[in-house]
Amino acid sequence: MPERYDAAMELRHLRYFVAVAEELNFTRAAAKLRLAQPALSRQILALEEELQASLFERTRSGVLLTQAGRAFYPRARAILSAADDAANEARTASGVVSGRITIGYPTGLHLNYLAPVIASFRKAHPRVELDFFHGLPPEQLKALRDATIDIGFVTFPVRLDGFGHRVIWRVPFEVVLPMRHPLARRRSFELRDLRNEDFVFCTRESRPEFYDEFFRQCANAGFRPRVVKEVGGYPTTMLGLVSVGVGVGVLPHFREAERIRGITWRPLVKPRIEVEFALVWRRDRISRVSEEFIAFAARHFAQPPAPASPL
């Protein structure tokens, strides 16, 4: 009769199994677990002996889940999630919140925008360890799927199939023009007012969802924008081009953008376009500690005035 393992050993085996099932590669799973690959292989074999079932099919290119492995995976994830929740609930009940959160961010400026939240959260919960992952929104969503990070910090629009999210800040888009532009005397704009203008705009590769949405809104207004210069990277690059008269732009208006000389901002009243900043997570693996951080951030950003940063 096989030897029975205690609860701690079983949970550890489940974590090892889930890591291999998600990576489908022992080398990557071992690195993720910070464990030597031979040790990981031995632990998986021990679990298979315990279950009396083969969980993985070994191939030259990696591993595949067997039918037993596919059936076992969602149950193993549920058990681990329940165990983590139970531990966090016990700590919360005792007045102590602890754990680890890995937070994604697209640029250093976005992370700086979160800095007041992070500082306050650390002060309130000193036993929570925070780690950070740099990546554009698509890279963050992949990291969430791979369980590399717990929370992503992204700007909308992005596709969020299978993810939960909470918008924490909205910034309206405005028309930005050279200071000496003939239209600079107007108080506000409808998008159709710009149908004869040259535009400076982002590349589709840098912001595909917003790029497509902007062209859709222009089509609704009866014209196709005449983009004379596309640039990726930070919006400050676009603002610099506007300041020297290359064209006009439609961008989110952050207060810090006022530092750039030679441009003026005017409200875009129709249609109203906003950029939304959101925290994103996987619905099937949100921890109590992550929930606490999300709620903490939402409370912080609900307090005016919101901090300002370039997009």
Protein backbone atom coordinates (compact mmCIF):
# COMPACT_ATOMS: atom_id res chain seq x y z
CA MET A 1 0.00 0.00 0.00
CA PRO A 2 1.49 3.38 -0.97
CA GLU A 3 2.77 5.62 1.80
CA ARG A 4 0.38 8.50 2.62
CA TYR A 5 1.76 12.02 2.63
CA ASP A 6 0.82 14.72 5.10
CA ALA A 7 -1.21 17.77 4.04
CA ALA A 8 1.83 20.03 3.57
CA MET A 9 3.47 17.52 1.23
CA GLU A 10 0.25 17.12 -0.75
CA LEU A 11 -0.15 20.87 -1.23
CA ARG A 12 3.47 21.14 -2.31
CA HIS A 13 2.94 18.34 -4.83
CA LEU A 14 -0.15 20.10 -6.14
CA ARG A 15 1.81 23.31 -6.65
CA TYR A 16 4.49 21.41 -8.53
CA PHE A 17 1.89 19.69 -10.69
CA VAL A 18 0.08 22.95 -11.51
CA ALA A 19 3.34 24.65 -12.48
CA VAL A 20 4.26 21.86 -14.91
CA ALA A 21 0.69 21.70 -16.25
CA GLU A 22 0.74 25.42 -17.02
CA GLU A 23 4.24 25.54 -18.49
CA LEU A 24 4.14 22.10 -20.17
CA ASN A 25 7.89 22.16 -19.71
CA PHE A 26 9.84 20.86 -16.69
CA THR A 27 12.72 23.29 -17.16
CA ARG A 28 10.50 26.39 -17.17
CA ALA A 29 8.36 25.05 -14.34
CA ALA A 30 11.43 24.35 -12.22
CA ALA A 31 12.72 27.88 -12.82
CA LYS A 32 9.32 29.30 -11.90
CA LEU A 33 9.31 27.27 -8.69
CA ARG A 34 13.00 28.00 -8.00
CA LEU A 35 13.60 24.28 -7.81
CA ALA A 36 16.15 22.01 -9.47
CA GLN A 37 14.63 20.16 -12.42
CA PRO A 38 15.61 16.65 -11.20
CA ALA A 39 13.97 17.38 -7.86
CA LEU A 40 10.81 18.56 -9.60
CA SER A 41 10.72 15.42 -11.74
CA ARG A 42 11.04 13.24 -8.63
CA GLN A 43 8.20 15.07 -6.89
CA ILE A 44 5.91 14.68 -9.92
CA LEU A 45 6.71 10.96 -10.09
CA ALA A 46 5.93 10.66 -6.37
CA LEU A 47 2.57 12.36 -6.94
CA GLU A 48 1.78 10.04 -9.85
CA GLU A 49 2.64 7.05 -7.67
CA GLU A 50 0.40 8.42 -4.94
CA LEU A 51 -2.49 8.86 -7.38
CA GLN A 52 -1.67 5.64 -9.23
CA ALA A 53 -2.17 7.55 -12.47
CA SER A 54 0.11 9.06 -15.08
CA LEU A 55 -0.45 12.82 -15.25
CA PHE A 56 1.96 13.74 -18.04
CA GLU A 57 3.04 12.25 -21.31
CA ARG A 58 6.74 12.95 -21.83
CA THR A 59 7.77 13.93 -25.37
CA ARG A 60 10.99 15.16 -26.95
CA SER A 61 9.69 18.72 -27.12
CA GLY A 62 8.19 18.83 -23.64
CA VAL A 63 5.23 17.27 -21.89
CA LEU A 64 1.51 16.91 -22.50
CA LEU A 65 -1.27 16.40 -19.99
CA THR A 66 -2.81 12.96 -20.06
CA GLN A 67 -6.55 12.50 -19.72
CA ALA A 68 -5.99 11.98 -15.98
CA GLY A 69 -3.86 15.14 -15.85
CA ARG A 70 -6.53 17.21 -17.60
CA ALA A 71 -9.13 15.97 -15.13
CA PHE A 72 -6.86 16.60 -12.15
CA TYR A 73 -5.73 20.12 -13.10
CA PRO A 74 -8.89 22.17 -12.28
CA ARG A 75 -9.33 20.28 -9.00
CA ALA A 76 -5.71 20.90 -8.04
CA ARG A 77 -6.04 24.62 -8.83
CA ALA A 78 -9.24 24.83 -6.78
CA ILE A 79 -7.60 23.13 -3.80
CA LEU A 80 -4.61 25.46 -3.89
CA SER A 81 -6.84 28.50 -4.21
CA ALA A 82 -8.98 27.36 -1.29
CA ALA A 83 -5.87 26.73 0.82
CA ASP A 84 -4.50 30.19 0.05
CA ASP A 85 -7.85 31.79 0.82
CA ALA A 86 -8.10 29.94 4.12
CA ALA A 87 -4.62 31.06 5.16
CA ASN A 88 -5.29 34.66 4.16
CA GLU A 89 -8.65 34.69 5.94
CA ALA A 90 -6.97 33.46 9.11
CA ARG A 91 -4.33 36.16 8.86
CA THR A 92 -6.96 38.81 8.12
CA ALA A 93 -9.06 37.67 11.07
CA SER A 94 -6.01 38.08 13.29
CA GLY A 95 -5.50 41.58 11.92
CA VAL A 96 -2.48 40.66 9.78
CA VAL A 97 -2.52 40.66 5.98
CA SER A 98 0.45 38.87 4.45
CA GLY A 99 1.42 37.27 1.17
CA ARG A 100 2.99 38.26 -2.12
CA ILE A 101 1.66 40.26 -5.08
CA THR A 102 3.36 40.71 -8.45
CA ILE A 103 2.04 43.79 -10.24
CA GLY A 104 2.43 44.50 -13.95
CA TYR A 105 3.00 47.96 -15.39
CA PRO A 106 3.57 49.22 -18.97
CA THR A 107 6.01 52.11 -18.34
CA GLY A 108 7.96 53.60 -15.48
CA LEU A 109 5.57 56.56 -15.56
CA HIS A 110 2.60 54.25 -14.97
CA LEU A 111 4.42 52.69 -12.02
CA ASN A 112 5.18 56.16 -10.70
CA TYR A 113 1.48 56.91 -10.95
CA LEU A 114 0.83 53.92 -8.67
CA ALA A 115 3.60 54.94 -6.27
CA PRO A 116 1.34 56.68 -3.70
CA VAL A 117 -0.92 53.61 -3.58
CA ILE A 118 2.03 51.25 -3.17
CA ALA A 119 3.59 53.37 -0.43
CA SER A 120 0.32 53.58 1.51
CA PHE A 121 -0.39 49.86 1.02
CA ARG A 122 3.07 48.91 2.29
CA LYS A 123 2.59 51.08 5.35
CA ALA A 124 -0.80 49.49 6.07
CA HIS A 125 0.35 45.92 5.29
CA PRO A 126 4.09 45.62 5.98
CA ARG A 127 4.00 41.80 5.76
CA VAL A 128 2.89 41.81 2.12
CA GLU A 129 5.77 41.39 -0.33
CA LEU A 130 5.42 43.31 -3.60
CA ASP A 131 7.16 42.47 -6.86
CA PHE A 132 6.84 44.13 -10.28
CA PHE A 133 6.71 43.08 -13.92
CA HIS A 134 7.33 45.43 -16.85
CA GLY A 135 5.31 44.77 -19.99
CA LEU A 136 2.88 46.31 -22.46
CA PRO A 137 -0.80 45.40 -21.96
CA PRO A 138 -0.67 42.28 -24.21
CA GLU A 139 2.43 41.08 -22.35
CA GLN A 140 0.75 41.66 -19.01
CA LEU A 141 -2.34 39.71 -20.08
CA LYS A 142 -0.11 36.80 -21.13
CA ALA A 143 1.69 36.98 -17.79
CA LEU A 144 -1.68 36.87 -16.02
CA ARG A 145 -2.69 33.80 -18.04
CA ASP A 146 0.63 32.16 -17.18
CA ALA A 147 0.22 33.07 -13.48
CA THR A 148 3.48 35.04 -13.62
CA ILE A 149 1.76 38.12 -12.18
CA ASP A 150 -1.28 38.66 -9.96
CA ILE A 151 -2.47 42.10 -11.09
CA GLY A 152 -1.95 44.02 -14.32
CA PHE A 153 -2.09 47.81 -14.64
CA VAL A 154 -3.19 48.70 -18.18
CA THR A 155 -4.83 51.41 -20.22
CA PHE A 156 -8.00 50.63 -22.14
CA PRO A 157 -9.15 49.66 -24.62
CA VAL A 158 -7.75 46.10 -24.41
CA ARG A 159 -9.49 42.75 -24.83
CA LEU A 160 -10.23 41.21 -21.47
CA ASP A 161 -11.68 37.78 -22.23
CA GLY A 162 -11.58 35.79 -19.01
CA PHE A 163 -10.26 38.66 -16.90
CA GLY A 164 -11.82 40.75 -14.19
CA HIS A 165 -11.01 44.46 -14.07
CA ARG A 166 -11.61 47.64 -12.15
CA VAL A 167 -11.24 51.06 -13.74
CA ILE A 168 -9.56 53.37 -11.25
CA TRP A 169 -9.07 56.56 -13.29
CA ARG A 170 -10.42 58.19 -16.46
CA VAL A 171 -8.79 60.97 -18.46
CA PRO A 172 -10.60 62.76 -21.33
CA PHE A 173 -9.01 63.15 -24.74
CA GLU A 174 -8.63 66.72 -25.96
CA VAL A 175 -7.52 68.41 -29.15
CA VAL A 176 -3.94 69.67 -28.99
CA LEU A 177 -2.82 72.30 -31.50
CA PRO A 178 0.20 74.52 -32.15
CA MET A 179 -0.21 77.74 -30.21
CA ARG A 180 -0.35 79.81 -33.41
CA HIS A 181 -2.73 77.49 -35.28
CA PRO A 182 -5.77 79.34 -36.79
CA LEU A 183 -8.15 77.03 -34.89
CA ALA A 184 -6.44 77.67 -31.55
CA ARG A 185 -8.93 80.50 -30.89
CA ARG A 186 -11.84 78.05 -30.67
CA ARG A 187 -13.08 77.16 -27.20
CA SER A 188 -13.97 73.53 -27.99
CA PHE A 189 -14.16 71.05 -30.87
CA GLU A 190 -16.25 68.37 -32.41
CA LEU A 191 -14.17 65.74 -34.17
CA ARG A 192 -15.63 66.73 -37.55
CA ASP A 193 -14.16 70.22 -37.10
CA LEU A 194 -10.74 68.65 -37.75
CA ARG A 195 -11.60 66.91 -41.01
CA ASN A 196 -9.31 69.18 -43.07
CA GLU A 197 -6.36 69.07 -40.68
CA ASP A 198 -3.09 67.15 -40.76
CA PHE A 199 -2.74 64.78 -37.80
CA VAL A 200 0.16 63.57 -35.68
CA PHE A 201 -0.88 60.22 -34.26
CA CYS A 202 0.35 57.01 -32.66
CA THR A 203 1.32 53.96 -34.70
CA ARG A 204 -1.15 51.12 -34.85
CA GLU A 205 1.50 48.79 -33.45
CA SER A 206 1.83 50.88 -30.29
CA ARG A 207 -1.90 51.19 -29.50
CA PRO A 208 -3.95 49.00 -31.91
CA GLU A 209 -7.27 49.21 -30.04
CA PHE A 210 -7.19 52.99 -29.64
CA TYR A 211 -5.90 53.45 -33.20
CA ASP A 212 -8.84 51.48 -34.61
CA GLU A 213 -11.33 53.24 -32.33
CA PHE A 214 -10.09 56.68 -33.35
CA PHE A 215 -10.40 55.89 -37.06
CA ARG A 216 -13.88 54.49 -36.39
CA GLN A 217 -14.92 57.70 -34.64
CA CYS A 218 -13.54 59.79 -37.52
CA ALA A 219 -15.52 57.66 -40.00
CA ASN A 220 -18.65 58.30 -37.91
CA ALA A 221 -17.85 62.02 -38.19
CA GLY A 222 -17.70 61.72 -41.99
CA PHE A 223 -13.99 61.76 -42.77
CA ARG A 224 -10.78 59.76 -42.72
CA PRO A 225 -7.99 61.48 -40.74
CA ARG A 226 -5.03 62.64 -42.79
CA VAL A 227 -2.18 61.36 -40.63
CA VAL A 228 1.06 62.92 -41.81
CA LYS A 229 3.27 61.54 -39.03
CA GLU A 230 2.90 58.38 -36.94
CA VAL A 231 5.09 57.84 -33.89
CA GLY A 232 5.31 55.18 -31.20
CA GLY A 233 6.61 55.53 -27.67
CA TYR A 234 5.64 58.26 -25.28
CA PRO A 235 2.94 60.84 -26.20
CA THR A 236 5.47 63.59 -25.45
CA THR A 237 6.99 62.75 -28.85
CA MET A 238 3.69 63.54 -30.54
CA LEU A 239 3.31 66.72 -28.51
CA GLY A 240 6.75 67.89 -29.61
CA LEU A 241 5.78 67.39 -33.26
CA VAL A 242 2.55 69.33 -32.70
CA SER A 243 4.51 72.16 -31.07
CA VAL A 244 6.59 72.68 -34.23
CA GLY A 245 3.53 72.70 -36.49
CA VAL A 246 3.65 69.22 -38.07
CA GLY A 247 -0.05 68.69 -37.34
CA VAL A 248 -2.72 68.55 -34.66
CA GLY A 249 -3.35 65.69 -32.23
CA VAL A 250 -6.05 64.10 -30.14
CA LEU A 251 -4.57 62.89 -26.86
CA PRO A 252 -5.42 62.45 -23.19
CA HIS A 253 -4.81 65.72 -21.40
CA PHE A 254 -2.60 65.30 -18.36
CA ARG A 255 -1.64 68.33 -16.32
CA GLU A 256 2.07 67.60 -16.71
CA ALA A 257 1.70 68.03 -20.48
CA GLU A 258 1.28 71.75 -19.82
CA ARG A 259 5.06 71.90 -19.40
CA ILE A 260 5.52 71.52 -23.16
CA ARG A 261 5.72 74.95 -24.75
CA GLY A 262 4.11 76.03 -28.00
CA ILE A 263 0.90 73.98 -27.74
CA THR A 264 -2.62 74.61 -26.53
CA TRP A 265 -5.35 72.19 -25.44
CA ARG A 266 -9.07 72.43 -26.20
CA PRO A 267 -11.93 70.15 -25.07
CA LEU A 268 -13.23 67.53 -27.51
CA VAL A 269 -16.95 67.67 -26.80
CA LYS A 270 -18.24 65.30 -29.50
CA PRO A 271 -17.60 62.44 -29.32
CA ARG A 272 -16.30 62.29 -25.78
CA ILE A 273 -13.33 59.91 -25.74
CA GLU A 274 -11.58 58.84 -22.55
CA VAL A 275 -8.60 56.72 -21.70
CA GLU A 276 -9.28 54.42 -18.78
CA PHE A 277 -6.66 53.12 -16.38
CA ALA A 278 -7.57 49.76 -14.91
CA LEU A 279 -6.31 47.01 -12.66
CA VAL A 280 -6.81 43.58 -14.25
CA TRP A 281 -6.72 40.07 -12.80
CA ARG A 282 -7.64 36.49 -13.61
CA ARG A 283 -11.11 35.72 -12.32
CA ASP A 284 -10.13 32.16 -11.40
CA ARG A 285 -7.10 33.04 -9.28
CA ILE A 286 -7.63 36.31 -7.44
CA SER A 287 -6.16 36.07 -3.96
CA ARG A 288 -7.39 37.84 -0.84
CA VAL A 289 -4.20 39.90 -0.77
CA SER A 290 -4.73 41.00 -4.38
CA GLU A 291 -8.35 41.86 -3.62
CA GLU A 292 -7.14 44.01 -0.73
CA PHE A 293 -4.68 45.86 -2.99
CA ILE A 294 -7.34 46.47 -5.66
CA ALA A 295 -9.79 47.82 -3.09
CA PHE A 296 -7.00 49.95 -1.59
CA ALA A 297 -6.16 51.44 -5.01
CA ALA A 298 -9.82 52.11 -5.80
CA ARG A 299 -10.25 54.01 -2.53
CA HIS A 300 -7.10 56.01 -3.16
CA PHE A 301 -8.03 57.09 -6.69
CA ALA A 302 -11.54 58.00 -5.61
CA GLN A 303 -10.03 60.87 -3.65
CA PRO A 304 -9.62 64.03 -5.79
CA PRO A 305 -7.42 65.42 -7.10
CA ALA A 306 -6.02 62.40 -8.94
CA PRO A 307 -2.26 62.40 -9.55
CA ALA A 308 -1.28 63.34 -13.09
CA SER A 309 1.26 61.62 -15.34
CA PRO A 310 1.86 61.40 -19.07
CA LEU A 311 0.34 58.29 -20.64
